[in-house]
């Protein structure tokens, strides 16, 4: 099966030999709950945008900050810097469990009820999801990267880089077209603040990834997870695991420098590996409509790409005057090793420190796919001069 959720990376202009990294400890962070974060923001209303952003950068959440709470808290912040810092804080918590207050202590459904919920999910993916009309949606990507501490051997000598935590590197906006159940993205260049092309890229949020995950999970293992409190009632959560021999999910990383041609030009190859994975599916227990899906690849610790994952939030969207459920936000991350100075390049040389890439994506401005045509007759056309 063709890859439906693609992690790819363009690192043009950043390939290098890296000497053993000089040691440097990462700055300490303070672990806080969502409730403590809310209290901090409540008493920081007089702080400047820059000061509040700096304060938020020193936190790590121990619980998931939902997209709904992120929107609510962002509305009270003083400026763009603090909103970006809060977005990053929420994104890093995307794979965590929600706060205990959002997990009701309701009875676990029996086997018959669980099977019926699973039937609802399958029917939703196979029937309701296929009724999504041809559409166009705006996609805005906010990209973050960190910088590992290492010594880079350049033509003029060795340059030492200090560690820099995840920080904003660029934004891009383009349209996504979903037509005949196929997702097409306008290939607008994804540029960072210096104008270089690159970044983490994902596809499949408009249905294909759901079909793949549900199909794979049914062949793997899917089980009851928990109840959650949602804005419109109780939400059910299933957990699933998919072994690599049942997986149709691939992790791709572009590109690995494998050597040089006879005329000195670099020769590149794509890291492409089928991966086992696990995650959660949060859904409406009454009709099986999927509201959130998480996927985390189970990669070997010493792999070129040791970590990759995505979270997609789905919500009500209006298209052509009708209400549908579509993706409204996603968070994706990928870690990849940098190179070590081992002579000739190969995948085995990429065992330096890991570099992290993280994307926050918002989907909005949904409209039906099509074009408007105006026909002018001889009676209403403009008179010739």
Protein backbone atom coordinates (compact mmCIF):
# COMPACT_ATOMS: atom_id res chain seq x y z
CA UNK A 1 0.00 0.00 0.00
CA UNK A 2 1.18 3.47 -0.83
CA UNK A 3 2.41 5.53 2.09
CA UNK A 4 -0.47 7.50 3.53
CA UNK A 5 1.19 9.26 6.43
CA UNK A 6 4.54 10.51 5.30
CA UNK A 7 7.29 11.96 7.41
CA UNK A 8 9.87 13.46 5.10
CA UNK A 9 12.65 15.93 5.67
CA UNK A 10 14.52 18.26 3.37
CA UNK A 11 17.90 19.14 4.77
CA UNK A 12 19.47 20.70 1.71
CA UNK A 13 22.48 22.75 2.65
CA UNK A 14 22.86 21.27 6.13
CA UNK A 15 24.83 18.08 5.55
CA UNK A 16 28.13 18.02 7.38
CA UNK A 17 30.78 16.00 9.10
CA UNK A 18 30.38 16.37 12.84
CA UNK A 19 33.13 15.83 15.34
CA UNK A 20 32.25 14.41 18.76
CA UNK A 21 29.97 16.93 20.38
CA UNK A 22 31.29 19.03 23.21
CA UNK A 23 29.27 18.30 26.33
CA UNK A 24 26.75 20.86 27.43
CA UNK A 25 23.85 20.35 29.80
CA UNK A 26 20.39 21.38 28.72
CA UNK A 27 18.79 24.15 30.75
CA UNK A 28 16.59 22.82 33.58
CA UNK A 29 12.83 22.91 33.17
CA UNK A 30 10.02 22.97 35.71
CA UNK A 31 7.35 20.28 35.46
CA UNK A 32 3.85 21.66 35.93
CA UNK A 33 0.28 20.46 35.54
CA UNK A 34 -2.35 22.11 33.34
CA UNK A 35 -4.00 23.57 36.46
CA UNK A 36 -0.68 25.07 37.59
CA UNK A 37 -0.17 26.53 34.11
CA UNK A 38 -3.59 28.18 34.28
CA UNK A 39 -2.76 29.62 37.72
CA UNK A 40 0.56 30.96 36.43
CA UNK A 41 -1.10 32.71 33.50
CA UNK A 42 -3.81 34.12 35.76
CA UNK A 43 -1.25 35.92 37.95
CA UNK A 44 0.99 36.95 35.03
CA UNK A 45 -1.50 39.26 33.30
CA UNK A 46 0.76 42.27 33.88
CA UNK A 47 3.86 40.63 32.41
CA UNK A 48 5.20 41.74 29.05
CA UNK A 49 4.91 39.51 26.00
CA UNK A 50 8.65 38.75 25.96
CA UNK A 51 8.87 38.08 29.71
CA UNK A 52 5.88 35.75 29.68
CA UNK A 53 7.29 33.88 26.67
CA UNK A 54 10.58 33.43 28.53
CA UNK A 55 8.74 32.12 31.59
CA UNK A 56 6.70 29.64 29.53
CA UNK A 57 9.85 28.33 27.83
CA UNK A 58 11.06 27.07 31.20
CA UNK A 59 8.04 24.80 31.74
CA UNK A 60 7.28 21.20 30.77
CA UNK A 61 3.71 19.96 31.09
CA UNK A 62 3.04 16.67 32.84
CA UNK A 63 -0.43 16.42 31.23
CA UNK A 64 -1.92 17.01 27.82
CA UNK A 65 -3.07 20.56 27.09
CA UNK A 66 -5.99 20.09 24.71
CA UNK A 67 -6.53 22.13 21.56
CA UNK A 68 -9.64 23.65 23.14
CA UNK A 69 -7.73 24.75 26.25
CA UNK A 70 -4.87 26.05 24.11
CA UNK A 71 -7.28 28.28 22.19
CA UNK A 72 -8.90 29.53 25.39
CA UNK A 73 -5.62 30.32 27.15
CA UNK A 74 -4.03 31.89 24.07
CA UNK A 75 -6.82 34.45 23.86
CA UNK A 76 -5.67 36.04 27.12
CA UNK A 77 -1.96 36.31 26.28
CA UNK A 78 -0.36 39.70 25.56
CA UNK A 79 1.33 39.00 22.22
CA UNK A 80 2.72 36.73 19.54
CA UNK A 81 5.83 35.57 21.41
CA UNK A 82 3.91 34.29 24.41
CA UNK A 83 1.33 32.63 22.15
CA UNK A 84 4.08 30.81 20.24
CA UNK A 85 5.66 29.69 23.53
CA UNK A 86 2.31 28.39 24.78
CA UNK A 87 1.68 26.59 21.46
CA UNK A 88 5.06 24.86 21.71
CA UNK A 89 4.37 23.91 25.33
CA UNK A 90 1.04 22.38 24.31
CA UNK A 91 2.54 20.60 21.29
CA UNK A 92 5.18 18.89 23.43
CA UNK A 93 2.38 17.56 25.67
CA UNK A 94 0.28 16.19 22.78
CA UNK A 95 1.10 12.53 23.44
CA UNK A 96 0.49 12.71 27.22
CA UNK A 97 -2.68 11.65 29.04
CA UNK A 98 -5.20 14.43 29.77
CA UNK A 99 -5.54 15.82 33.32
CA UNK A 100 -7.19 13.51 35.83
CA UNK A 101 -10.11 15.95 36.10
CA UNK A 102 -10.92 15.22 32.44
CA UNK A 103 -11.04 11.43 32.99
CA UNK A 104 -14.39 10.42 34.57
CA UNK A 105 -14.45 7.41 36.84
CA UNK A 106 -17.22 5.74 34.83
CA UNK A 107 -17.57 1.96 34.56
CA UNK A 108 -15.56 0.20 31.86
CA UNK A 109 -17.92 -0.96 29.08
CA UNK A 110 -18.50 -4.69 28.80
CA UNK A 111 -17.28 -6.77 25.85
CA UNK A 112 -20.53 -6.40 23.89
CA UNK A 113 -20.55 -2.62 24.25
CA UNK A 114 -16.88 -2.43 23.27
CA UNK A 115 -17.51 -4.51 20.14
CA UNK A 116 -20.42 -2.26 19.19
CA UNK A 117 -18.22 0.83 19.53
CA UNK A 118 -15.64 -0.79 17.28
CA UNK A 119 -18.37 -1.50 14.69
CA UNK A 120 -19.32 2.20 14.86
CA UNK A 121 -15.70 3.21 14.16
CA UNK A 122 -15.38 0.86 11.19
CA UNK A 123 -18.69 2.09 9.75
CA UNK A 124 -17.58 5.69 10.24
CA UNK A 125 -14.31 5.12 8.38
CA UNK A 126 -15.86 3.03 5.61
CA UNK A 127 -19.07 4.99 5.09
CA UNK A 128 -19.40 8.39 6.74
CA UNK A 129 -15.82 9.44 6.03
CA UNK A 130 -16.27 8.60 2.36
CA UNK A 131 -19.13 11.09 2.19
CA UNK A 132 -16.78 13.99 2.80
CA UNK A 133 -17.22 16.22 -0.27
CA UNK A 134 -14.49 17.43 -2.58
CA UNK A 135 -13.05 20.39 -0.72
CA UNK A 136 -10.25 22.89 -0.29
CA UNK A 137 -8.89 23.90 3.13
CA UNK A 138 -6.20 26.32 4.22
CA UNK A 139 -3.23 24.76 6.00
CA UNK A 140 -0.91 26.88 8.15
CA UNK A 141 2.27 25.27 9.46
CA UNK A 142 4.30 26.61 12.37
CA UNK A 143 7.66 24.82 12.53
CA UNK A 144 9.98 24.39 15.50
CA UNK A 145 13.44 22.85 15.69
CA UNK A 146 16.13 22.44 18.30
CA UNK A 147 19.89 22.54 17.75
CA UNK A 148 22.09 19.88 19.35
CA UNK A 149 25.43 20.82 20.84
CA UNK A 150 28.19 19.68 18.48
CA UNK A 151 31.36 20.68 16.69
CA UNK A 152 31.00 21.01 12.93
CA UNK A 153 34.01 20.61 10.67
CA UNK A 154 33.78 23.24 7.93
CA UNK A 155 36.14 24.28 5.15
CA UNK A 156 37.59 27.08 7.28
CA UNK A 157 37.89 25.05 10.48
CA UNK A 158 35.79 23.69 13.33
CA UNK A 159 32.69 25.61 14.43
CA UNK A 160 31.20 24.81 17.85
CA UNK A 161 27.45 25.05 18.27
CA UNK A 162 25.83 25.28 21.68
CA UNK A 163 22.55 23.55 22.46
CA UNK A 164 19.42 25.51 21.64
CA UNK A 165 16.00 24.17 22.70
CA UNK A 166 13.01 23.93 20.40
CA UNK A 167 12.32 27.34 18.90
CA UNK A 168 10.36 28.83 16.02
CA UNK A 169 12.12 28.46 12.68
CA UNK A 170 9.41 29.40 10.21
CA UNK A 171 5.82 29.46 9.07
CA UNK A 172 4.14 28.59 5.81
CA UNK A 173 0.60 28.58 4.48
CA UNK A 174 -0.89 26.75 1.54
CA UNK A 175 -4.11 25.02 0.46
CA UNK A 176 -4.96 21.33 0.68
CA UNK A 177 -7.36 19.87 -1.89
CA UNK A 178 -9.31 16.72 -1.05
CA UNK A 179 -10.81 15.40 -4.26
CA UNK A 180 -12.17 11.93 -5.06
CA UNK A 181 -10.88 10.78 -1.66
CA UNK A 182 -7.33 11.81 -2.57
CA UNK A 183 -5.36 14.49 -0.79
CA UNK A 184 -3.34 16.98 -2.83
CA UNK A 185 -1.21 19.74 -1.34
CA UNK A 186 -0.17 22.82 -3.26
CA UNK A 187 3.61 22.61 -3.23
CA UNK A 188 4.31 26.08 -1.93
CA UNK A 189 7.92 26.21 -0.68
CA UNK A 190 8.21 25.67 3.06
CA UNK A 191 10.73 28.32 4.05
CA UNK A 192 12.31 29.14 7.36
CA UNK A 193 13.07 32.66 8.56
CA UNK A 194 16.28 32.72 6.50
CA UNK A 195 14.46 31.67 3.35
CA UNK A 196 15.89 28.14 3.18
CA UNK A 197 13.66 25.33 1.98
CA UNK A 198 13.13 22.45 4.39
CA UNK A 199 11.10 21.11 7.25
CA UNK A 200 8.96 18.24 8.45
CA UNK A 201 6.13 17.31 6.08
CA UNK A 202 3.07 15.16 6.81
CA UNK A 203 0.14 14.08 4.65
CA UNK A 204 -2.98 12.00 5.08
CA UNK A 205 -4.90 14.00 7.67
CA UNK A 206 -8.03 14.08 5.46
CA UNK A 207 -9.01 10.46 5.88
CA UNK A 208 -6.26 8.20 4.47
CA UNK A 209 -4.39 8.02 7.75
CA UNK A 210 -7.58 7.05 9.61
CA UNK A 211 -8.34 4.26 7.16
CA UNK A 212 -4.79 2.95 7.43
CA UNK A 213 -4.63 3.07 11.23
CA UNK A 214 -8.04 1.44 11.79
CA UNK A 215 -7.29 -1.28 9.23
CA UNK A 216 -3.86 -1.99 10.74
CA UNK A 217 -5.19 -1.88 14.32
CA UNK A 218 -7.82 -4.51 13.54
CA UNK A 219 -5.02 -6.80 12.33
CA UNK A 220 -2.90 -5.95 15.36
CA UNK A 221 -4.32 -5.34 18.82
CA UNK A 222 -6.99 -2.84 19.83
CA UNK A 223 -8.34 -2.53 23.36
CA UNK A 224 -10.31 -0.31 25.69
CA UNK A 225 -8.44 2.74 27.00
CA UNK A 226 -10.56 5.13 29.06
CA UNK A 227 -13.40 7.61 29.12
CA UNK A 228 -12.75 11.34 28.69
CA UNK A 229 -14.88 14.41 29.24
CA UNK A 230 -15.34 16.28 25.98
CA UNK A 231 -16.92 19.67 25.24
CA UNK A 232 -20.07 17.95 23.91
CA UNK A 233 -20.26 14.93 26.17
CA UNK A 234 -18.37 11.77 27.01
CA UNK A 235 -15.60 10.55 24.69
CA UNK A 236 -14.36 6.96 24.44
CA UNK A 237 -10.71 6.09 23.86
CA UNK A 238 -9.26 2.90 22.39
CA UNK A 239 -5.57 2.01 22.53
CA UNK A 240 -3.96 0.04 19.72
CA UNK A 241 -0.64 -1.52 18.74
CA UNK A 242 0.44 -2.63 15.26
CA UNK A 243 3.46 -4.94 14.72
CA UNK A 244 5.72 -4.26 11.76
CA UNK A 245 4.49 -7.28 9.79
CA UNK A 246 0.92 -5.88 9.90
CA UNK A 247 1.92 -2.25 9.38
CA UNK A 248 1.26 -0.14 6.30
CA UNK A 249 2.99 2.84 7.85
CA UNK A 250 6.42 3.95 6.73
CA UNK A 251 8.81 6.51 8.15
CA UNK A 252 10.78 8.36 5.50
CA UNK A 253 13.62 10.80 5.99
CA UNK A 254 15.15 12.77 3.15
CA UNK A 255 17.94 12.79 2.64
CA UNK A 256 21.00 10.83 3.72
CA UNK A 257 24.30 11.65 2.07
CA UNK A 258 25.69 8.24 1.03
CA UNK A 259 28.85 9.45 -0.70
CA UNK A 260 30.11 11.41 -3.68
CA UNK A 261 30.15 10.74 -7.39
CA UNK A 262 33.33 10.74 -9.50
CA UNK A 263 32.87 14.43 -10.29
CA UNK A 264 32.46 15.30 -6.61
CA UNK A 265 28.70 15.73 -6.55
CA UNK A 266 26.89 14.45 -3.42
CA UNK A 267 24.87 11.25 -3.79
CA UNK A 268 21.70 11.17 -1.73
CA UNK A 269 19.33 8.44 -0.62
CA UNK A 270 16.03 8.40 1.27
CA UNK A 271 15.75 6.61 4.58
CA UNK A 272 12.57 4.54 4.18
CA UNK A 273 11.52 1.98 6.77
CA UNK A 274 8.25 0.24 7.58
CA UNK A 275 7.59 0.68 11.27
CA UNK A 276 5.50 -0.91 13.96
CA UNK A 277 3.51 1.70 15.86
CA UNK A 278 1.01 2.33 18.63
CA UNK A 279 -1.40 5.05 19.65
CA UNK A 280 -4.93 6.01 20.64
CA UNK A 281 -8.25 6.65 18.91
CA UNK A 282 -10.66 9.00 20.70
CA UNK A 283 -14.21 8.91 19.34
CA UNK A 284 -17.88 9.56 19.92
CA UNK A 285 -19.19 6.28 21.38
CA UNK A 286 -22.63 6.85 19.86
CA UNK A 287 -21.67 7.00 16.19
CA UNK A 288 -17.95 6.18 16.01
CA UNK A 289 -16.91 9.58 14.66
CA UNK A 290 -13.19 9.96 15.35
CA UNK A 291 -12.24 13.11 17.25
CA UNK A 292 -8.53 12.53 17.90
CA UNK A 293 -5.98 10.06 16.65
CA UNK A 294 -2.39 9.57 17.85
CA UNK A 295 0.34 7.53 16.19
CA UNK A 296 3.84 6.89 17.55
CA UNK A 297 6.36 4.84 15.56
CA UNK A 298 8.26 2.16 17.44
CA UNK A 299 11.73 2.75 16.04
CA UNK A 300 14.97 1.16 17.31
CA UNK A 301 16.78 3.50 19.69
CA UNK A 302 19.89 3.53 17.50
CA UNK A 303 17.98 3.99 14.26
CA UNK A 304 18.73 6.98 12.05
CA UNK A 305 15.21 8.16 12.96
CA UNK A 306 14.61 7.01 16.56
CA UNK A 307 11.30 8.81 17.05
CA UNK A 308 8.38 9.95 14.90
CA UNK A 309 4.73 10.58 15.67
CA UNK A 310 1.60 12.55 14.87
CA UNK A 311 -1.56 13.68 16.68
CA UNK A 312 -4.61 14.84 14.71
CA UNK A 313 -7.62 16.60 16.22
CA UNK A 314 -10.88 16.44 14.26
CA UNK A 315 -13.84 18.75 14.72
CA UNK A 316 -16.98 20.12 13.14
CA UNK A 317 -16.35 22.13 9.95
CA UNK A 318 -18.81 23.78 7.57
CA UNK A 319 -18.52 23.07 3.85
CA UNK A 320 -21.07 24.44 1.44
CA UNK A 321 -23.56 25.18 4.20
CA UNK A 322 -23.40 21.66 5.68
CA UNK A 323 -21.61 20.39 8.78
CA UNK A 324 -18.93 17.70 8.52
CA UNK A 325 -16.08 16.40 10.67
CA UNK A 326 -12.62 17.23 9.37
CA UNK A 327 -9.09 17.78 10.67
CA UNK A 328 -8.70 21.08 12.51
CA UNK A 329 -5.20 20.69 13.99
CA UNK A 330 -2.27 18.31 14.00
CA UNK A 331 1.04 18.06 15.82
CA UNK A 332 3.87 16.02 14.33
CA UNK A 333 7.41 15.42 15.47
CA UNK A 334 10.50 13.60 14.26
CA UNK A 335 13.96 13.06 15.68
CA UNK A 336 16.95 12.22 13.50
CA UNK A 337 20.61 11.66 14.29
CA UNK A 338 23.20 14.00 12.82
CA UNK A 339 26.44 12.66 11.33
CA UNK A 340 29.70 11.60 12.89
CA UNK A 341 33.12 11.89 11.29
CA UNK A 342 33.66 8.31 10.10
CA UNK A 343 35.10 8.98 6.68
CA UNK A 344 32.75 7.90 3.91
CA UNK A 345 29.08 8.67 4.46
CA UNK A 346 26.56 5.93 5.16
CA UNK A 347 23.49 5.53 7.34
CA UNK A 348 25.74 4.04 10.03
CA UNK A 349 27.56 7.38 10.22
CA UNK A 350 24.41 9.19 11.37
CA UNK A 351 24.92 8.48 15.05
CA UNK A 352 25.62 11.93 16.38
CA UNK A 353 23.23 13.77 18.72
CA UNK A 354 19.56 13.82 17.77
CA UNK A 355 17.90 16.84 16.24
CA UNK A 356 14.17 17.37 16.83
CA UNK A 357 11.65 18.74 14.34
CA UNK A 358 8.10 19.66 15.39
CA UNK A 359 5.20 21.03 13.35
CA UNK A 360 1.98 22.59 14.57
CA UNK A 361 -0.60 22.62 11.75
CA UNK A 362 -3.98 24.36 11.70
CA UNK A 363 -6.64 23.59 9.08
CA UNK A 364 -9.40 26.14 8.49
CA UNK A 365 -11.29 28.13 5.81
CA UNK A 366 -12.98 25.03 4.44
CA UNK A 367 -14.88 25.44 1.17
CA UNK A 368 -16.28 23.15 -1.47
CA UNK A 369 -13.95 22.32 -4.35
CA UNK A 370 -15.08 23.79 -7.68
CA UNK A 371 -14.97 26.89 -9.80
CA UNK A 372 -17.34 29.67 -10.64
CA UNK A 373 -18.03 30.48 -14.28
CA UNK A 374 -19.82 33.60 -15.48
CA UNK A 375 -21.26 33.50 -18.98
CA UNK A 376 -21.79 36.83 -20.71
CA UNK A 377 -24.34 37.04 -23.53
CA UNK A 378 -24.40 39.62 -26.25
CA UNK A 379 -27.10 41.54 -24.34
CA UNK A 380 -25.18 41.98 -21.08
CA UNK A 381 -21.63 42.18 -22.37
CA UNK A 382 -19.87 45.50 -22.22
CA UNK A 383 -20.26 47.59 -25.38
CA UNK A 384 -17.23 47.89 -27.55
CA UNK A 385 -15.53 51.27 -27.66
